[in-house]
C-alpha cells in the first residue's frame, strides 16, 4: 500500500499549490519506499533533506500567499506549518544518528498530517484566496 498518494481529495484548485502538494507527496513516497527497501542511511538522509526543502519552499509560498490576501486565520495555519518544522528539527538528528525507528515515526506523522492539512486547512485557505481573487476582479 502506498502511504503517500496525492488524489483529488487533496486538491485545493490553486494550480501552484496543488503542484507543490503533488511534489511533497511524491518526495514523501520516495522516502517511504527507500526506508522500506532498507536503503543505506546516507541515501535516506539525502531524500529526507530534499523533502524538508520541499516542505519549507511550499510553506513559505503559502505563507506569502496568505499574507498577500490578509487571510484572517493566518496565524492558525502558520502554527500548523511550524508544527512540521519543529518535528523535522526533532527527528532529523535522530535519523542522522542512525536511530532505526525515527524515520518510521516521522513518516507516520507525515502520512497523517499531510492528508489532514491538505484536505482541511489548505482547502480552507484556497477557498479564501479564490474568493478574494473573484472579489478583486469584480472590484476592478
N, C-alpha and C. Protein backbone atom coordinates (compact mmCIF):
# COMPACT_ATOMS: atom_id res chain seq x y z
N UNK A 1 0.84 -1.19 0.00
CA UNK A 1 0.00 0.00 0.00
C UNK A 1 0.88 1.25 0.00
N UNK A 2 0.53 2.19 -0.86
CA UNK A 2 1.28 3.45 -0.89
C UNK A 2 0.77 4.35 0.21
N UNK A 3 1.67 4.76 1.06
CA UNK A 3 1.33 5.62 2.19
C UNK A 3 1.09 7.06 1.73
N UNK A 4 1.78 7.46 0.69
CA UNK A 4 1.69 8.84 0.20
C UNK A 4 1.26 8.85 -1.25
N UNK A 5 -0.01 9.08 -1.46
CA UNK A 5 -0.55 9.15 -2.81
C UNK A 5 -1.48 10.35 -2.88
N UNK A 6 -1.10 11.32 -3.69
CA UNK A 6 -1.94 12.51 -3.86
C UNK A 6 -3.17 12.10 -4.66
N UNK A 7 -4.31 12.65 -4.29
CA UNK A 7 -5.54 12.39 -5.03
C UNK A 7 -6.34 13.69 -5.11
N UNK A 8 -7.41 13.67 -5.85
CA UNK A 8 -8.28 14.85 -5.97
C UNK A 8 -8.81 15.30 -4.61
N UNK A 9 -8.86 14.40 -3.65
CA UNK A 9 -9.33 14.76 -2.30
C UNK A 9 -8.43 15.82 -1.67
N UNK A 10 -7.17 15.88 -2.11
CA UNK A 10 -6.23 16.87 -1.59
C UNK A 10 -6.18 18.13 -2.45
N UNK A 11 -6.95 18.19 -3.51
CA UNK A 11 -6.90 19.33 -4.43
C UNK A 11 -7.43 20.60 -3.78
N UNK A 12 -6.68 21.68 -3.96
CA UNK A 12 -7.11 23.00 -3.47
C UNK A 12 -7.68 23.84 -4.62
N UNK A 13 -7.42 23.42 -5.84
CA UNK A 13 -7.83 24.13 -7.04
C UNK A 13 -7.10 25.46 -7.20
N UNK A 14 -5.93 25.54 -6.59
CA UNK A 14 -4.95 26.58 -6.87
C UNK A 14 -3.78 25.83 -7.53
N UNK A 15 -3.56 26.05 -8.81
CA UNK A 15 -2.64 25.22 -9.57
C UNK A 15 -1.25 25.10 -8.95
N UNK A 16 -0.67 26.21 -8.54
CA UNK A 16 0.68 26.16 -7.98
C UNK A 16 0.72 25.38 -6.67
N UNK A 17 -0.27 25.60 -5.83
CA UNK A 17 -0.33 24.89 -4.54
C UNK A 17 -0.51 23.40 -4.78
N UNK A 18 -1.41 23.03 -5.70
CA UNK A 18 -1.61 21.62 -5.99
C UNK A 18 -0.35 20.97 -6.55
N UNK A 19 0.37 21.67 -7.41
CA UNK A 19 1.63 21.14 -7.95
C UNK A 19 2.64 20.92 -6.83
N UNK A 20 2.72 21.86 -5.91
CA UNK A 20 3.64 21.72 -4.78
C UNK A 20 3.21 20.54 -3.89
N UNK A 21 1.92 20.41 -3.65
CA UNK A 21 1.44 19.28 -2.84
C UNK A 21 1.79 17.94 -3.51
N UNK A 22 1.58 17.86 -4.81
CA UNK A 22 1.92 16.61 -5.52
C UNK A 22 3.40 16.30 -5.35
N UNK A 23 4.25 17.31 -5.42
CA UNK A 23 5.69 17.09 -5.27
C UNK A 23 6.03 16.64 -3.85
N UNK A 24 5.37 17.21 -2.86
CA UNK A 24 5.60 16.79 -1.48
C UNK A 24 5.16 15.34 -1.29
N UNK A 25 3.98 14.99 -1.80
CA UNK A 25 3.53 13.60 -1.71
C UNK A 25 4.51 12.66 -2.41
N UNK A 26 5.02 13.09 -3.58
CA UNK A 26 5.98 12.27 -4.31
C UNK A 26 7.26 12.08 -3.50
N UNK A 27 7.78 13.17 -2.95
CA UNK A 27 9.02 13.10 -2.17
C UNK A 27 8.84 12.27 -0.90
N UNK A 28 7.70 12.42 -0.23
CA UNK A 28 7.42 11.62 0.97
C UNK A 28 7.30 10.15 0.59
N UNK A 29 6.68 9.87 -0.55
CA UNK A 29 6.59 8.49 -1.03
C UNK A 29 7.95 7.90 -1.34
N UNK A 30 8.82 8.72 -1.90
CA UNK A 30 10.19 8.27 -2.19
C UNK A 30 10.91 7.92 -0.89
N UNK A 31 10.74 8.75 0.12
CA UNK A 31 11.36 8.47 1.42
C UNK A 31 10.80 7.17 2.00
N UNK A 32 9.50 7.01 1.94
CA UNK A 32 8.85 5.81 2.46
C UNK A 32 9.39 4.55 1.76
N UNK A 33 9.46 4.60 0.44
CA UNK A 33 9.95 3.46 -0.32
C UNK A 33 11.41 3.15 0.00
N UNK A 34 12.21 4.19 0.17
CA UNK A 34 13.62 3.98 0.50
C UNK A 34 13.78 3.30 1.86
N UNK A 35 12.97 3.74 2.82
CA UNK A 35 13.05 3.14 4.15
C UNK A 35 12.60 1.69 4.11
N UNK A 36 11.50 1.42 3.41
CA UNK A 36 11.01 0.04 3.30
C UNK A 36 12.02 -0.87 2.60
N UNK A 37 12.73 -0.32 1.63
CA UNK A 37 13.70 -1.10 0.86
C UNK A 37 15.02 -1.27 1.61
N UNK A 38 15.16 -0.62 2.75
CA UNK A 38 16.39 -0.75 3.52
C UNK A 38 17.57 -0.02 2.90
N UNK A 39 17.28 1.07 2.21
CA UNK A 39 18.34 1.88 1.58
C UNK A 39 19.28 2.39 2.68
N UNK A 40 20.53 2.53 2.33
CA UNK A 40 21.55 2.98 3.28
C UNK A 40 21.20 4.33 3.89
N UNK A 41 21.57 4.51 5.15
CA UNK A 41 21.23 5.72 5.91
C UNK A 41 21.62 7.01 5.19
N UNK A 42 22.80 7.12 4.60
CA UNK A 42 23.13 8.39 3.92
C UNK A 42 22.16 8.75 2.80
N UNK A 43 21.68 7.73 2.07
CA UNK A 43 20.73 8.00 0.99
C UNK A 43 19.37 8.41 1.57
N UNK A 44 18.96 7.76 2.64
CA UNK A 44 17.70 8.12 3.30
C UNK A 44 17.78 9.56 3.78
N UNK A 45 18.91 9.92 4.37
CA UNK A 45 19.09 11.29 4.87
C UNK A 45 19.03 12.30 3.72
N UNK A 46 19.59 11.96 2.58
CA UNK A 46 19.56 12.85 1.42
C UNK A 46 18.13 13.05 0.93
N UNK A 47 17.36 11.97 0.87
CA UNK A 47 15.96 12.07 0.45
C UNK A 47 15.18 12.90 1.46
N UNK A 48 15.43 12.68 2.74
CA UNK A 48 14.75 13.44 3.79
C UNK A 48 15.09 14.92 3.67
N UNK A 49 16.33 15.25 3.41
CA UNK A 49 16.71 16.66 3.26
C UNK A 49 16.01 17.30 2.08
N UNK A 50 15.83 16.55 0.99
CA UNK A 50 15.08 17.09 -0.16
C UNK A 50 13.61 17.30 0.21
N UNK A 51 13.05 16.37 0.98
CA UNK A 51 11.67 16.51 1.43
C UNK A 51 11.52 17.73 2.33
N UNK A 52 12.46 17.92 3.23
CA UNK A 52 12.43 19.10 4.11
C UNK A 52 12.48 20.38 3.28
N UNK A 53 13.33 20.40 2.27
CA UNK A 53 13.43 21.59 1.40
C UNK A 53 12.11 21.82 0.66
N UNK A 54 11.46 20.76 0.21
CA UNK A 54 10.15 20.90 -0.46
C UNK A 54 9.12 21.47 0.49
N UNK A 55 9.07 20.94 1.70
CA UNK A 55 8.13 21.45 2.70
C UNK A 55 8.38 22.93 2.95
N UNK A 56 9.63 23.28 3.18
CA UNK A 56 9.95 24.66 3.53
C UNK A 56 9.62 25.61 2.38
N UNK A 57 9.95 25.24 1.17
CA UNK A 57 9.64 26.06 -0.01
C UNK A 57 8.12 26.26 -0.12
N UNK A 58 7.40 25.18 0.06
CA UNK A 58 5.94 25.23 -0.02
C UNK A 58 5.35 26.08 1.10
N UNK A 59 5.83 25.87 2.32
CA UNK A 59 5.30 26.64 3.45
C UNK A 59 5.53 28.13 3.24
N UNK A 60 6.72 28.51 2.79
CA UNK A 60 7.00 29.93 2.55
C UNK A 60 6.06 30.49 1.49
N UNK A 61 5.80 29.70 0.44
CA UNK A 61 4.90 30.15 -0.62
C UNK A 61 3.49 30.36 -0.07
N UNK A 62 2.97 29.37 0.66
CA UNK A 62 1.63 29.51 1.23
C UNK A 62 1.55 30.70 2.19
N UNK A 63 2.56 30.87 3.00
CA UNK A 63 2.54 31.96 3.98
C UNK A 63 2.57 33.32 3.29
N UNK A 64 3.34 33.46 2.22
CA UNK A 64 3.33 34.71 1.43
C UNK A 64 1.96 34.94 0.83
N UNK A 65 1.39 33.89 0.27
CA UNK A 65 0.07 33.99 -0.34
C UNK A 65 -0.97 34.41 0.69
N UNK A 66 -0.97 33.79 1.85
CA UNK A 66 -1.94 34.14 2.89
C UNK A 66 -1.78 35.58 3.35
N UNK A 67 -0.54 36.03 3.51
CA UNK A 67 -0.32 37.42 3.92
C UNK A 67 -0.80 38.38 2.83
N UNK A 68 -0.61 38.01 1.58
CA UNK A 68 -0.97 38.92 0.48
C UNK A 68 -2.48 39.16 0.39
N UNK A 69 -3.27 38.20 0.87
CA UNK A 69 -4.73 38.35 0.82
C UNK A 69 -5.31 38.65 2.20
N UNK A 70 -4.42 38.89 3.17
CA UNK A 70 -4.84 39.19 4.55
C UNK A 70 -5.75 38.09 5.10
N UNK A 71 -5.29 36.86 4.96
CA UNK A 71 -6.05 35.69 5.40
C UNK A 71 -6.31 35.80 6.90
N UNK A 72 -7.57 35.80 7.32
CA UNK A 72 -7.89 36.08 8.72
C UNK A 72 -7.41 35.03 9.72
N UNK A 73 -7.17 33.80 9.28
CA UNK A 73 -6.68 32.79 10.23
C UNK A 73 -5.26 32.34 9.85
N UNK A 74 -4.50 33.30 9.36
CA UNK A 74 -3.10 33.06 9.00
C UNK A 74 -2.33 32.45 10.17
N UNK A 75 -2.46 33.00 11.35
CA UNK A 75 -1.68 32.52 12.50
C UNK A 75 -1.96 31.04 12.79
N UNK A 76 -3.22 30.65 12.72
CA UNK A 76 -3.59 29.25 12.96
C UNK A 76 -2.94 28.35 11.91
N UNK A 77 -3.01 28.75 10.65
CA UNK A 77 -2.45 27.96 9.57
C UNK A 77 -0.92 27.88 9.70
N UNK A 78 -0.30 29.00 9.99
CA UNK A 78 1.16 29.01 10.13
C UNK A 78 1.61 28.15 11.30
N UNK A 79 0.83 28.12 12.38
CA UNK A 79 1.19 27.25 13.52
C UNK A 79 1.23 25.79 13.08
N UNK A 80 0.37 25.42 12.17
CA UNK A 80 0.42 24.04 11.66
C UNK A 80 1.71 23.80 10.88
N UNK A 81 2.12 24.76 10.09
CA UNK A 81 3.40 24.65 9.39
C UNK A 81 4.53 24.56 10.41
N UNK A 82 4.46 25.39 11.43
CA UNK A 82 5.51 25.40 12.45
C UNK A 82 5.60 24.08 13.20
N UNK A 83 4.47 23.39 13.33
CA UNK A 83 4.48 22.06 13.95
C UNK A 83 5.35 21.10 13.14
N UNK A 84 5.22 21.15 11.82
CA UNK A 84 6.03 20.29 10.96
C UNK A 84 7.50 20.71 11.04
N UNK A 85 7.74 22.00 11.01
CA UNK A 85 9.12 22.47 11.12
C UNK A 85 9.75 21.96 12.41
N UNK A 86 9.01 22.02 13.51
CA UNK A 86 9.51 21.56 14.81
C UNK A 86 9.77 20.05 14.77
N UNK A 87 8.84 19.30 14.21
CA UNK A 87 9.01 17.85 14.11
C UNK A 87 10.27 17.51 13.33
N UNK A 88 10.48 18.21 12.22
CA UNK A 88 11.66 17.95 11.41
C UNK A 88 12.94 18.24 12.20
N UNK A 89 12.93 19.33 12.94
CA UNK A 89 14.11 19.67 13.76
C UNK A 89 14.35 18.60 14.82
N UNK A 90 13.29 18.01 15.33
CA UNK A 90 13.43 16.96 16.35
C UNK A 90 13.92 15.65 15.76
N UNK A 91 13.41 15.30 14.57
CA UNK A 91 13.69 13.98 14.02
C UNK A 91 14.95 13.91 13.17
N UNK A 92 15.33 14.97 12.52
CA UNK A 92 16.50 14.92 11.64
C UNK A 92 17.74 14.43 12.37
N UNK A 93 18.08 14.99 13.54
CA UNK A 93 19.28 14.48 14.22
C UNK A 93 19.16 13.01 14.63
N UNK A 94 17.96 12.59 14.99
CA UNK A 94 17.76 11.20 15.38
C UNK A 94 17.97 10.27 14.18
N UNK A 95 17.49 10.70 13.02
CA UNK A 95 17.66 9.90 11.81
C UNK A 95 19.13 9.91 11.40
N UNK A 96 19.75 11.08 11.47
CA UNK A 96 21.17 11.18 11.11
C UNK A 96 22.06 10.34 12.01
N UNK A 97 21.64 10.17 13.26
CA UNK A 97 22.44 9.36 14.20
C UNK A 97 22.22 7.86 14.00
N UNK A 98 21.28 7.51 13.11
CA UNK A 98 21.06 6.11 12.82
C UNK A 98 19.97 5.44 13.63
N UNK A 99 19.20 6.21 14.37
CA UNK A 99 18.11 5.64 15.16
C UNK A 99 17.09 5.02 14.20
N UNK A 100 16.96 3.72 14.26
CA UNK A 100 16.18 3.00 13.25
C UNK A 100 14.70 3.36 13.23
N UNK A 101 14.08 3.52 14.36
CA UNK A 101 12.65 3.79 14.38
C UNK A 101 12.26 5.23 14.10
N UNK A 102 13.22 6.14 14.13
CA UNK A 102 12.90 7.56 13.98
C UNK A 102 12.28 7.88 12.62
N UNK A 103 12.82 7.32 11.57
CA UNK A 103 12.30 7.60 10.23
C UNK A 103 10.87 7.07 10.10
N UNK A 104 10.61 5.91 10.67
CA UNK A 104 9.25 5.36 10.61
C UNK A 104 8.26 6.24 11.38
N UNK A 105 8.67 6.70 12.54
CA UNK A 105 7.80 7.59 13.32
C UNK A 105 7.51 8.89 12.58
N UNK A 106 8.54 9.43 11.95
CA UNK A 106 8.36 10.66 11.19
C UNK A 106 7.40 10.43 10.02
N UNK A 107 7.55 9.31 9.33
CA UNK A 107 6.65 9.01 8.21
C UNK A 107 5.21 8.83 8.67
N UNK A 108 5.01 8.19 9.82
CA UNK A 108 3.65 8.04 10.35
C UNK A 108 3.03 9.41 10.60
N UNK A 109 3.82 10.30 11.20
CA UNK A 109 3.33 11.66 11.45
C UNK A 109 3.00 12.36 10.14
N UNK A 110 3.92 12.30 9.16
CA UNK A 110 3.70 12.95 7.87
C UNK A 110 2.46 12.40 7.18
N UNK A 111 2.28 11.09 7.20
CA UNK A 111 1.13 10.48 6.50
C UNK A 111 -0.17 11.03 7.04
N UNK A 112 -0.27 11.13 8.34
CA UNK A 112 -1.48 11.68 8.96
C UNK A 112 -1.58 13.18 8.71
N UNK A 113 -0.51 13.91 9.03
CA UNK A 113 -0.55 15.37 8.98
C UNK A 113 -0.81 15.87 7.56
N UNK A 114 -0.13 15.30 6.60
CA UNK A 114 -0.21 15.80 5.23
C UNK A 114 -1.64 15.69 4.68
N UNK A 115 -2.27 14.57 4.88
CA UNK A 115 -3.65 14.41 4.40
C UNK A 115 -4.60 15.35 5.14
N UNK A 116 -4.49 15.43 6.45
CA UNK A 116 -5.37 16.29 7.23
C UNK A 116 -5.17 17.76 6.85
N UNK A 117 -3.92 18.16 6.73
CA UNK A 117 -3.61 19.56 6.44
C UNK A 117 -4.08 19.96 5.05
N UNK A 118 -3.81 19.13 4.05
CA UNK A 118 -4.20 19.50 2.69
C UNK A 118 -5.72 19.47 2.53
N UNK A 119 -6.36 18.49 3.13
CA UNK A 119 -7.81 18.33 2.94
C UNK A 119 -8.64 19.37 3.69
N UNK A 120 -8.14 19.88 4.79
CA UNK A 120 -8.92 20.84 5.55
C UNK A 120 -8.27 22.23 5.52
N UNK A 121 -7.13 22.35 6.14
CA UNK A 121 -6.50 23.66 6.32
C UNK A 121 -6.18 24.33 4.99
N UNK A 122 -5.55 23.59 4.08
CA UNK A 122 -5.19 24.19 2.79
C UNK A 122 -6.42 24.46 1.93
N UNK A 123 -7.41 23.59 2.00
CA UNK A 123 -8.63 23.83 1.22
C UNK A 123 -9.38 25.06 1.73
N UNK A 124 -9.38 25.27 3.04
CA UNK A 124 -9.98 26.49 3.59
C UNK A 124 -9.25 27.72 3.08
N UNK A 125 -7.93 27.67 3.14
CA UNK A 125 -7.12 28.80 2.68
C UNK A 125 -7.34 29.05 1.20
N UNK A 126 -7.37 28.00 0.41
CA UNK A 126 -7.53 28.14 -1.03
C UNK A 126 -8.90 28.73 -1.38
N UNK A 127 -9.93 28.32 -0.67
CA UNK A 127 -11.26 28.88 -0.91
C UNK A 127 -11.26 30.38 -0.63
N UNK A 128 -10.60 30.77 0.45
CA UNK A 128 -10.50 32.19 0.77
C UNK A 128 -9.75 32.94 -0.33
N UNK A 129 -8.65 32.38 -0.78
CA UNK A 129 -7.86 33.02 -1.84
C UNK A 129 -8.68 33.15 -3.12
N UNK A 130 -9.37 32.09 -3.51
CA UNK A 130 -10.18 32.16 -4.73
C UNK A 130 -11.28 33.22 -4.59
N UNK A 131 -11.93 33.27 -3.44
CA UNK A 131 -12.98 34.28 -3.22
C UNK A 131 -12.39 35.68 -3.23
N UNK A 132 -11.22 35.84 -2.66
CA UNK A 132 -10.53 37.13 -2.66
C UNK A 132 -10.22 37.55 -4.09
N UNK A 133 -9.70 36.62 -4.89
CA UNK A 133 -9.38 36.93 -6.29
C UNK A 133 -10.64 37.32 -7.07
N UNK A 134 -11.74 36.62 -6.83
CA UNK A 134 -13.01 36.97 -7.51
C UNK A 134 -13.48 38.36 -7.10
N UNK A 135 -13.38 38.65 -5.81
CA UNK A 135 -13.81 39.97 -5.32
C UNK A 135 -12.94 41.07 -5.93
N UNK A 136 -11.65 40.84 -6.06
CA UNK A 136 -10.75 41.82 -6.66
C UNK A 136 -11.07 42.02 -8.13
N UNK A 137 -11.41 40.92 -8.83
CA UNK A 137 -11.75 41.01 -10.25
C UNK A 137 -13.03 41.81 -10.45
N UNK A 138 -14.01 41.60 -9.58
CA UNK A 138 -15.27 42.32 -9.68
C UNK A 138 -15.05 43.80 -9.38
N UNK A 139 -14.20 44.08 -8.40
CA UNK A 139 -13.96 45.47 -7.97
C UNK A 139 -13.19 46.26 -9.02
N UNK A 140 -12.46 45.58 -9.89
CA UNK A 140 -11.64 46.34 -10.87
C UNK A 140 -12.34 46.61 -12.16
